[in-house]
C-alpha cells in the first residue's frame, strides 16, 4: 500500500515538479536575458558618460586656455595703463613746475611794481606836503 501511494504521488507529483522546474528554467533564462539587456544598457550609458567626460575635459581645457589668454591681455593692458599714467603724471609734474615758476616770476614782478609804485606815491606825498 505504501508502495502504491508512493507510486501514485510520484506519478502525480513528478510531472508537476518537472513542469515547475521547466517554468523555473524558463524564468531563469528570461531573467538572464533581462540582466544582459540591463548590463548592455549600463555599458552604453558608461560609454556615453565617458564620451561626455572627454568632451567636457576638452571644453574645460579650451576655457582654461581662453582664460589664460584673457589674463595675459588684462595684465598687458594694466601695465600699459600704469605706464601711461606715470607718463601723464610726469608731464603734469613738469607743467606744474613750469607754471609755478611763471607764477613766482609774475608775483616777483608784481611785488617790484608795487614797491616802485609805493615809493613814487611816497615821493609825491612828500613833495605835496612841502
Protein backbone atom coordinates (compact mmCIF):
# COMPACT_ATOMS: atom_id res chain seq x y z
CA UNK A 1 0.00 0.00 0.00
CA UNK A 2 2.79 2.39 0.81
CA UNK A 3 4.35 1.47 -2.48
CA UNK A 4 1.12 2.25 -4.25
CA UNK A 5 0.80 5.65 -2.52
CA UNK A 6 4.41 6.30 -3.34
CA UNK A 7 3.84 5.38 -7.00
CA UNK A 8 0.67 7.46 -7.08
CA UNK A 9 2.41 10.52 -5.61
CA UNK A 10 5.33 10.10 -7.99
CA UNK A 11 3.08 9.67 -10.95
CA UNK A 12 1.07 12.74 -9.94
CA UNK A 13 3.76 14.99 -8.40
CA UNK A 14 6.69 14.12 -10.65
CA UNK A 15 5.14 15.67 -13.78
CA UNK A 16 4.06 18.68 -11.77
CA UNK A 17 7.53 19.11 -10.30
CA UNK A 18 9.07 18.66 -13.72
CA UNK A 19 6.71 21.33 -15.10
CA UNK A 20 7.64 23.69 -12.24
CA UNK A 21 11.33 23.02 -12.92
CA UNK A 22 10.77 23.86 -16.60
CA UNK A 23 8.96 27.06 -15.63
CA UNK A 24 11.82 27.97 -13.29
CA UNK A 25 14.36 27.30 -16.06
CA UNK A 26 12.33 29.44 -18.49
CA UNK A 27 12.07 32.25 -15.92
CA UNK A 28 15.78 31.91 -15.17
CA UNK A 29 16.62 32.16 -18.90
CA UNK A 30 14.25 35.12 -19.28
CA UNK A 31 15.79 36.81 -16.23
CA UNK A 32 19.29 36.18 -17.60
CA UNK A 33 18.21 37.85 -20.86
CA UNK A 34 16.85 40.87 -18.98
CA UNK A 35 20.01 41.12 -16.89
CA UNK A 36 22.13 41.01 -20.05
CA UNK A 37 19.93 43.72 -21.57
CA UNK A 38 20.30 45.92 -18.47
CA UNK A 39 24.06 45.26 -18.42
CA UNK A 40 24.26 46.28 -22.10
CA UNK A 41 22.32 49.49 -21.39
CA UNK A 42 24.55 50.27 -18.41
CA UNK A 43 27.63 49.69 -20.58
CA UNK A 44 26.18 52.00 -23.26
CA UNK A 45 25.48 54.66 -20.63
CA UNK A 46 29.00 54.25 -19.25
CA UNK A 47 30.38 54.83 -22.76
CA UNK A 48 28.19 57.90 -23.22
CA UNK A 49 29.30 59.27 -19.84
CA UNK A 50 32.94 58.62 -20.70
CA UNK A 51 32.44 60.39 -24.04
CA UNK A 52 30.82 63.34 -22.28
CA UNK A 53 33.70 63.41 -19.78
CA UNK A 54 36.18 63.61 -22.66
CA UNK A 55 34.15 66.39 -24.30
CA UNK A 56 33.85 68.29 -21.00
CA UNK A 57 37.58 67.94 -20.37
CA UNK A 58 38.27 69.32 -23.84
CA UNK A 59 35.87 72.23 -23.33
CA UNK A 60 37.36 72.96 -19.91
CA UNK A 61 40.83 72.89 -21.46
CA UNK A 62 39.73 75.37 -24.12
CA UNK A 63 38.19 77.61 -21.45
CA UNK A 64 41.36 77.41 -19.36
CA UNK A 65 43.37 78.48 -22.40
CA UNK A 66 40.99 81.36 -23.14
CA UNK A 67 41.05 82.47 -19.50
CA UNK A 68 44.85 82.35 -19.54
CA UNK A 69 44.89 84.45 -22.70
CA UNK A 70 42.49 86.94 -21.16
CA UNK A 71 44.62 87.11 -18.01
CA UNK A 72 47.66 87.94 -20.13
CA UNK A 73 45.73 90.60 -22.07
CA UNK A 74 44.37 92.17 -18.89
CA UNK A 75 47.85 92.19 -17.37
CA UNK A 76 49.23 93.77 -20.56
CA UNK A 77 46.51 96.45 -20.52
CA UNK A 78 47.17 97.07 -16.84
CA UNK A 79 50.88 97.57 -17.49
CA UNK A 80 50.14 99.89 -20.44
CA UNK A 81 47.68 101.86 -18.32
CA UNK A 82 50.16 102.23 -15.46
CA UNK A 83 52.89 103.29 -17.89
CA UNK A 84 50.60 105.87 -19.47
CA UNK A 85 49.51 107.08 -16.04
CA UNK A 86 53.15 107.55 -15.00
CA UNK A 87 53.86 109.43 -18.23
CA UNK A 88 50.88 111.72 -17.64
CA UNK A 89 51.93 112.27 -14.03
CA UNK A 90 55.44 113.21 -15.15
CA UNK A 91 54.10 115.58 -17.80
CA UNK A 92 51.74 117.20 -15.32
CA UNK A 93 54.52 117.47 -12.76
CA UNK A 94 56.81 119.19 -15.28
CA UNK A 95 53.99 121.51 -16.38
CA UNK A 96 53.14 122.28 -12.76
CA UNK A 97 56.78 123.20 -12.04
CA UNK A 98 56.81 125.49 -15.10
CA UNK A 99 53.54 127.09 -14.03
CA UNK A 100 54.86 127.52 -10.50
CA UNK A 101 58.00 129.21 -11.87
CA UNK A 102 55.91 131.55 -14.06
CA UNK A 103 53.68 132.44 -11.09
CA UNK A 104 56.76 133.09 -8.95
CA UNK A 105 58.22 135.36 -11.67
CA UNK A 106 54.88 137.17 -12.09
CA UNK A 107 54.48 137.62 -8.34
CA UNK A 108 58.07 138.91 -8.10
CA UNK A 109 57.41 141.35 -10.94
CA UNK A 110 54.15 142.49 -9.31
CA UNK A 111 55.93 142.96 -5.98
CA UNK A 112 58.61 145.07 -7.67
CA UNK A 113 55.99 147.18 -9.46
CA UNK A 114 54.02 147.63 -6.24
CA UNK A 115 57.19 148.63 -4.38
CA UNK A 116 58.07 151.10 -7.14
CA UNK A 117 54.52 152.47 -7.10
CA UNK A 118 54.65 152.77 -3.29
CA UNK A 119 57.93 154.71 -3.49
CA UNK A 120 56.55 157.01 -6.18
CA UNK A 121 53.44 157.64 -4.08
CA UNK A 122 55.55 158.38 -1.01
CA UNK A 123 57.70 160.74 -3.05
CA UNK A 124 54.60 162.56 -4.37
CA UNK A 125 53.11 162.78 -0.87
CA UNK A 126 56.36 164.27 0.45
CA UNK A 127 56.58 166.70 -2.45
CA UNK A 128 52.96 167.75 -1.98
CA UNK A 129 53.38 168.31 1.75
CA UNK A 130 56.30 170.76 1.38
